[in-house]
Amino acid sequence: MRITRRYAIAGAVAFGLSLGAAAAASAATWDMPTPYGDKTFHTVNIRQFAKDVEQATGGKLKINVHSAGSLIKHPEIKNAVRRGLVPIGEVLMSRLSNEDPVFAVDSIPFLATNYDEARKLWEASRPVIEKKLKQQGLMLLFAVPWPPQGIYAKKEIRSLDDMKGLKMRAYNAATETLAKLAGAVPTQVEVPDIPTAFSTGRVDAMITSPSTGANSKAWDFVKYFHHTQAWLPKNMVIVNAKAFAKLPADVQKAVKDAAKKAEVRGWEMSKKETADKIAILKKNGMVIVTPTPELMAGLKKIGEQMTADWAKKAGADGEAILKAYRGQ
């Protein structure tokens, strides 16, 4: 009897171990590089996405988030996901515009000038973006915008005439073009040099988000923030299509469901970030200016010209996006 009982226990242990091994084999752990720090609302949202996935799958898929470029630096994240070095990652969509101008659609000045328009533009462009990513073996999970871009200046700007001759900070080709079309003088200045550039008179104005303004303590060198909402650039979370296909069907569904929640939550977090950072600017003595109709009309005219230039570069895909966005 003792021998029989001993074999029964051994058999039960072996069976339990085999079940544990099978469970371990069916579980997966994904490493996810992101470019921004833990306090950035994008990262907070992504960490919640990872928790939602792990909870919904009962631990079948665990996503380890590596923030602030600690695993892979921002410029390399997209290609790392594409090559399968990591299965998932976060990137600024417009960073990919050197590959295809379609990826710059959310950074065209004054095409979409509030969250509602940005949402409409995203719905119009998403199918094309997904197609472009699919061609590279990638799949889009969700996208979340940054706070909209506004104009910081030493004086109040009521029309384009007030921008003529202003030395305006430029940090890429689009902002340089925007400054020139507005009659301003574009001046290349990197973020760490912004306070010095203003204090020494190298620049009189800049266009950037409420977040950057608050973080750089813009009230120390400018008085006015014009809430123009020039554009709302987005971050995308992308996944390697082959890695996703290897997941069980129920896990795939859980990831997609969590992604939908993350997109909705992320857009609301972005709106809150905008309001919170504008409140900080105001608290520190900055004048928050609602742009005049004259100023917005002039800026949107510039936006129309830059949109037309973008459409030529983007070709048929660009035209399709604009028609969908405009309801044509």
Protein backbone atom coordinates (compact mmCIF):
# COMPACT_ATOMS: atom_id res chain seq x y z
CA MET A 1 0.00 0.00 0.00
CA ARG A 2 2.83 2.38 0.88
CA ILE A 3 4.47 1.73 -2.50
CA THR A 4 1.17 2.29 -4.31
CA ARG A 5 0.55 5.53 -2.40
CA ARG A 6 4.11 6.70 -3.10
CA TYR A 7 3.61 6.16 -6.85
CA ALA A 8 0.27 7.94 -6.72
CA ILE A 9 1.85 11.01 -5.08
CA ALA A 10 4.74 10.95 -7.52
CA GLY A 11 2.32 10.72 -10.41
CA ALA A 12 0.30 13.65 -9.09
CA VAL A 13 3.43 15.76 -8.68
CA ALA A 14 4.59 14.89 -12.20
CA PHE A 15 1.17 15.76 -13.60
CA GLY A 16 1.21 19.07 -11.73
CA LEU A 17 4.67 19.87 -13.04
CA SER A 18 3.58 19.08 -16.59
CA LEU A 19 0.62 21.44 -16.23
CA GLY A 20 2.92 24.15 -14.89
CA ALA A 21 5.31 23.64 -17.80
CA ALA A 22 2.44 23.83 -20.27
CA ALA A 23 1.19 27.04 -18.67
CA ALA A 24 4.69 28.53 -18.76
CA ALA A 25 5.04 27.54 -22.39
CA SER A 26 1.76 29.28 -23.29
CA ALA A 27 2.70 32.48 -21.40
CA ALA A 28 4.71 35.23 -23.09
CA THR A 29 6.67 38.27 -21.94
CA TRP A 30 7.14 41.24 -24.24
CA ASP A 31 9.70 43.99 -23.75
CA MET A 32 8.38 47.40 -24.83
CA PRO A 33 10.69 50.39 -25.37
CA THR A 34 9.21 53.89 -25.07
CA PRO A 35 11.02 57.23 -25.60
CA TYR A 36 9.63 59.25 -22.69
CA GLY A 37 9.99 59.32 -18.91
CA ASP A 38 7.65 57.75 -16.38
CA LYS A 39 5.93 61.04 -15.51
CA THR A 40 4.95 61.72 -19.12
CA PHE A 41 1.24 61.03 -19.55
CA HIS A 42 1.96 58.85 -22.61
CA THR A 43 4.07 56.52 -20.46
CA VAL A 44 1.49 56.48 -17.67
CA ASN A 45 -1.14 55.47 -20.21
CA ILE A 46 1.06 52.74 -21.69
CA ARG A 47 1.81 51.26 -18.27
CA GLN A 48 -1.94 51.04 -17.64
CA PHE A 49 -2.33 49.38 -21.06
CA ALA A 50 0.26 46.77 -20.02
CA LYS A 51 -1.60 46.13 -16.75
CA ASP A 52 -4.89 45.77 -18.60
CA VAL A 53 -3.36 43.20 -20.96
CA GLU A 54 -1.83 41.14 -18.17
CA GLN A 55 -5.07 41.17 -16.17
CA ALA A 56 -7.31 40.37 -19.16
CA THR A 57 -5.12 37.48 -20.26
CA GLY A 58 -4.67 36.03 -16.79
CA GLY A 59 -0.92 36.47 -17.12
CA LYS A 60 -0.66 34.81 -20.53
CA LEU A 61 0.96 38.00 -21.83
CA LYS A 62 3.08 40.30 -19.72
CA ILE A 63 4.42 43.56 -21.20
CA ASN A 64 7.51 45.03 -19.54
CA VAL A 65 7.65 48.77 -20.30
CA HIS A 66 11.17 50.23 -20.63
CA SER A 67 10.70 54.02 -20.49
CA ALA A 68 12.90 57.02 -21.31
CA GLY A 69 14.79 55.23 -24.07
CA SER A 70 16.43 52.96 -21.49
CA LEU A 71 16.19 49.86 -23.71
CA ILE A 72 16.23 51.35 -27.22
CA LYS A 73 16.59 55.01 -28.19
CA HIS A 74 13.71 56.73 -29.95
CA PRO A 75 15.21 56.86 -33.48
CA GLU A 76 15.77 53.08 -33.43
CA ILE A 77 12.49 51.90 -31.86
CA LYS A 78 10.44 51.54 -35.05
CA ASN A 79 13.09 49.49 -36.88
CA ALA A 80 13.70 47.39 -33.77
CA VAL A 81 10.03 46.40 -33.76
CA ARG A 82 10.08 45.82 -37.50
CA ARG A 83 13.11 43.52 -37.27
CA GLY A 84 11.64 41.63 -34.32
CA LEU A 85 14.31 42.70 -31.84
CA VAL A 86 11.37 43.73 -29.65
CA PRO A 87 7.72 42.86 -30.35
CA ILE A 88 6.18 46.22 -29.44
CA GLY A 89 7.16 49.87 -29.07
CA GLU A 90 6.09 53.53 -29.04
CA VAL A 91 7.15 56.17 -31.59
CA LEU A 92 6.26 59.73 -32.56
CA MET A 93 4.38 59.27 -35.83
CA SER A 94 5.93 62.24 -37.64
CA ARG A 95 9.39 60.77 -37.01
CA LEU A 96 8.61 58.38 -39.85
CA SER A 97 7.88 61.17 -42.34
CA ASN A 98 11.33 60.78 -43.91
CA GLU A 99 10.14 57.31 -45.04
CA ASP A 100 6.76 58.49 -46.28
CA PRO A 101 5.16 61.98 -46.06
CA VAL A 102 1.86 60.38 -45.03
CA PHE A 103 3.27 60.00 -41.52
CA ALA A 104 3.52 63.81 -41.25
CA VAL A 105 -0.22 64.35 -41.69
CA ASP A 106 -0.79 65.21 -38.01
CA SER A 107 2.01 67.80 -38.05
CA ILE A 108 0.73 70.00 -40.88
CA PRO A 109 0.23 73.45 -39.33
CA PHE A 110 -3.39 74.58 -38.96
CA LEU A 111 -4.96 71.63 -40.76
CA ALA A 112 -6.54 70.40 -37.50
CA THR A 113 -6.68 73.06 -34.80
CA ASN A 114 -8.47 71.40 -31.87
CA TYR A 115 -9.05 67.95 -30.42
CA ASP A 116 -12.29 67.37 -32.35
CA GLU A 117 -10.61 68.19 -35.67
CA ALA A 118 -7.56 66.13 -34.69
CA ARG A 119 -9.83 63.15 -33.98
CA LYS A 120 -11.54 63.59 -37.35
CA LEU A 121 -8.17 63.80 -39.10
CA TRP A 122 -7.00 60.66 -37.30
CA GLU A 123 -10.10 58.75 -38.38
CA ALA A 124 -9.48 59.87 -41.97
CA SER A 125 -5.79 58.98 -41.96
CA ARG A 126 -5.76 55.84 -39.84
CA PRO A 127 -6.59 53.37 -42.65
CA VAL A 128 -3.72 54.73 -44.76
CA ILE A 129 -1.33 54.70 -41.80
CA GLU A 130 -2.29 51.10 -41.03
CA LYS A 131 -1.72 50.12 -44.66
CA LYS A 132 1.75 51.71 -44.67
CA LEU A 133 2.69 49.94 -41.45
CA LYS A 134 1.33 46.60 -42.69
CA GLN A 135 3.61 46.82 -45.72
CA GLN A 136 6.52 46.83 -43.27
CA GLY A 137 5.28 43.91 -41.19
CA LEU A 138 3.91 46.20 -38.48
CA MET A 139 0.49 46.62 -36.92
CA LEU A 140 -0.94 49.73 -35.28
CA LEU A 141 -2.47 49.28 -31.84
CA PHE A 142 -3.34 52.84 -30.85
CA ALA A 143 -2.31 56.48 -31.12
CA VAL A 144 -2.53 59.39 -28.66
CA PRO A 145 -1.89 63.10 -29.35
CA TRP A 146 0.39 65.51 -27.56
CA PRO A 147 -1.05 68.85 -26.38
CA PRO A 148 -1.58 71.29 -29.27
CA GLN A 149 1.07 73.79 -30.31
CA GLY A 150 0.70 77.49 -29.44
CA ILE A 151 2.63 80.69 -30.05
CA TYR A 152 4.73 82.18 -27.25
CA ALA A 153 5.74 85.82 -27.73
CA LYS A 154 6.96 88.88 -25.89
CA LYS A 155 4.03 90.88 -27.27
CA GLU A 156 0.42 90.07 -28.08
CA ILE A 157 -0.10 88.98 -31.68
CA ARG A 158 -3.48 89.97 -33.12
CA SER A 159 -2.84 89.37 -36.82
CA LEU A 160 -0.13 88.18 -39.20
CA ASP A 161 1.00 91.80 -39.49
CA ASP A 162 2.17 91.58 -35.87
CA MET A 163 4.42 88.63 -36.79
CA LYS A 164 6.29 90.42 -39.55
CA GLY A 165 9.96 90.77 -38.68
CA LEU A 166 9.70 88.74 -35.46
CA LYS A 167 12.66 86.44 -34.86
CA MET A 168 10.88 83.12 -34.46
CA ARG A 169 12.41 79.93 -33.16
CA ALA A 170 12.47 77.14 -35.75
CA TYR A 171 13.42 73.55 -34.99
CA ASN A 172 12.58 71.74 -38.25
CA ALA A 173 11.71 72.40 -41.89
CA ALA A 174 7.98 72.83 -41.18
CA THR A 175 8.43 75.49 -38.48
CA GLU A 176 10.98 77.29 -40.67
CA THR A 177 8.49 77.36 -43.55
CA LEU A 178 5.71 78.50 -41.23
CA ALA A 179 7.83 81.38 -39.91
CA LYS A 180 8.76 82.55 -43.41
CA LEU A 181 5.18 82.44 -44.68
CA ALA A 182 4.08 84.45 -41.62
CA GLY A 183 6.67 87.12 -42.39
CA ALA A 184 8.83 86.20 -39.40
CA VAL A 185 12.55 85.47 -39.42
CA PRO A 186 13.24 81.77 -38.61
CA THR A 187 16.07 81.17 -36.15
CA GLN A 188 17.37 77.71 -35.26
CA VAL A 189 17.34 77.23 -31.46
CA GLU A 190 17.45 73.93 -29.55
CA VAL A 191 15.25 73.41 -26.46
CA PRO A 192 18.05 73.80 -23.86
CA ASP A 193 19.00 77.16 -25.42
CA ILE A 194 15.50 78.67 -25.46
CA PRO A 195 15.80 80.82 -22.29
CA THR A 196 19.16 82.26 -23.35
CA ALA A 197 17.94 82.90 -26.90
CA PHE A 198 15.03 84.96 -25.61
CA SER A 199 17.02 86.83 -22.98
CA THR A 200 19.71 87.81 -25.49
CA GLY A 201 17.22 88.84 -28.18
CA ARG A 202 18.05 86.06 -30.63
CA VAL A 203 14.36 85.17 -30.76
CA ASP A 204 11.11 87.00 -29.98
CA ALA A 205 8.63 84.16 -30.41
CA MET A 206 8.31 80.38 -30.64
CA ILE A 207 5.65 77.81 -31.34
CA THR A 208 5.45 74.78 -29.06
CA SER A 209 3.12 72.98 -26.66
CA PRO A 210 1.92 74.12 -23.22
CA SER A 211 3.95 71.24 -21.80
CA THR A 212 7.24 72.52 -23.22
CA GLY A 213 6.39 76.05 -22.17
CA ALA A 214 5.65 75.03 -18.59
CA ASN A 215 8.68 72.74 -18.38
CA SER A 216 11.01 75.46 -19.70
CA LYS A 217 9.44 78.13 -17.41
CA ALA A 218 8.50 80.30 -20.36
CA TRP A 219 7.18 83.01 -18.01
CA ASP A 220 10.79 83.93 -17.29
CA PHE A 221 11.30 85.24 -20.83
CA VAL A 222 7.90 85.79 -22.54
CA LYS A 223 4.55 87.18 -21.42
CA TYR A 224 1.99 85.88 -23.92
CA PHE A 225 0.81 82.39 -24.87
CA HIS A 226 -1.54 82.30 -27.87
CA HIS A 227 -3.60 79.10 -27.76
CA THR A 228 -3.60 78.58 -31.54
CA GLN A 229 -3.65 74.76 -31.40
CA ALA A 230 -1.54 74.74 -34.56
CA TRP A 231 -1.25 70.95 -34.72
CA LEU A 232 -1.56 67.94 -32.43
CA PRO A 233 1.24 65.46 -33.16
CA LYS A 234 0.63 61.87 -32.09
CA ASN A 235 2.56 58.96 -30.62
CA MET A 236 1.80 55.50 -32.01
CA VAL A 237 2.08 52.12 -30.31
CA ILE A 238 3.04 49.54 -32.91
CA VAL A 239 3.57 45.79 -32.78
CA ASN A 240 5.47 43.30 -34.92
CA ALA A 241 2.79 41.53 -36.98
CA LYS A 242 4.47 38.12 -36.81
CA ALA A 243 4.84 38.34 -33.03
CA PHE A 244 1.18 39.28 -32.70
CA ALA A 245 0.10 36.40 -34.96
CA LYS A 246 1.84 33.93 -32.64
CA LEU A 247 -0.40 34.91 -29.74
CA PRO A 248 -3.48 32.75 -29.01
CA ALA A 249 -6.73 34.17 -30.36
CA ASP A 250 -8.05 35.11 -26.92
CA VAL A 251 -4.82 36.97 -26.11
CA GLN A 252 -4.94 38.82 -29.44
CA LYS A 253 -8.47 39.96 -28.62
CA ALA A 254 -7.42 41.08 -25.15
CA VAL A 255 -4.57 43.17 -26.60
CA LYS A 256 -6.85 44.83 -29.15
CA ASP A 257 -9.49 45.54 -26.49
CA ALA A 258 -6.88 47.05 -24.17
CA ALA A 259 -5.55 49.14 -27.06
CA LYS A 260 -8.99 50.60 -27.73
CA LYS A 261 -9.30 51.56 -24.06
CA ALA A 262 -5.81 53.04 -24.07
CA GLU A 263 -6.58 55.25 -27.07
CA VAL A 264 -9.75 56.64 -25.52
CA ARG A 265 -8.05 57.13 -22.14
CA GLY A 266 -4.95 58.66 -23.74
CA TRP A 267 -6.89 61.33 -25.64
CA GLU A 268 -8.62 62.37 -22.41
CA MET A 269 -5.27 62.45 -20.61
CA SER A 270 -3.89 64.69 -23.35
CA LYS A 271 -6.78 67.13 -22.90
CA LYS A 272 -6.14 67.20 -19.15
CA GLU A 273 -2.41 67.72 -19.73
CA THR A 274 -3.21 70.72 -21.92
CA ALA A 275 -5.51 72.29 -19.34
CA ASP A 276 -3.11 71.60 -16.46
CA LYS A 277 -0.08 73.06 -18.21
CA ILE A 278 -1.96 76.16 -19.39
CA ALA A 279 -3.07 76.65 -15.79
CA ILE A 280 0.59 76.55 -14.71
CA LEU A 281 1.50 79.16 -17.33
CA LYS A 282 -1.33 81.40 -16.10
CA LYS A 283 -0.45 80.86 -12.44
CA ASN A 284 3.05 82.11 -13.15
CA GLY A 285 1.84 85.35 -14.68
CA MET A 286 1.57 84.57 -18.37
CA VAL A 287 -1.31 86.03 -20.36
CA ILE A 288 -3.28 83.26 -22.09
CA VAL A 289 -4.57 84.68 -25.36
CA THR A 290 -7.50 83.33 -27.33
CA PRO A 291 -6.40 84.03 -30.92
CA THR A 292 -8.36 86.69 -32.78
CA PRO A 293 -10.36 85.64 -35.84
CA GLU A 294 -7.96 87.76 -37.93
CA LEU A 295 -4.92 85.89 -36.66
CA MET A 296 -6.50 82.47 -37.11
CA ALA A 297 -7.67 83.34 -40.62
CA GLY A 298 -4.14 84.34 -41.59
CA LEU A 299 -2.57 81.28 -40.00
CA LYS A 300 -5.10 78.93 -41.60
CA LYS A 301 -4.32 80.44 -44.99
CA ILE A 302 -0.67 79.53 -44.40
CA GLY A 303 -1.84 76.10 -43.32
CA GLU A 304 -3.74 75.68 -46.59
CA GLN A 305 -0.57 76.37 -48.56
CA MET A 306 1.46 73.93 -46.46
CA THR A 307 -1.32 71.35 -46.74
CA ALA A 308 -1.26 71.64 -50.53
CA ASP A 309 2.52 71.21 -50.55
CA TRP A 310 2.18 68.12 -48.33
CA ALA A 311 -0.55 66.66 -50.55
CA LYS A 312 1.73 66.86 -53.59
CA LYS A 313 4.44 64.95 -51.74
CA ALA A 314 2.01 62.39 -50.31
CA GLY A 315 0.38 61.72 -53.70
CA ALA A 316 -2.81 59.66 -53.98
CA ASP A 317 -2.73 58.64 -50.32
CA GLY A 318 -2.53 62.26 -49.24
CA GLU A 319 -5.43 63.26 -51.47
CA ALA A 320 -7.51 60.37 -50.11
CA ILE A 321 -6.86 61.45 -46.53
CA LEU A 322 -7.79 65.07 -47.20
CA LYS A 323 -10.99 64.09 -49.04
CA ALA A 324 -12.04 61.84 -46.16
CA TYR A 325 -11.17 64.54 -43.62
CA ARG A 326 -13.15 67.19 -45.47
CA GLY A 327 -16.07 64.86 -46.12
CA GLN A 328 -15.76 65.08 -49.90
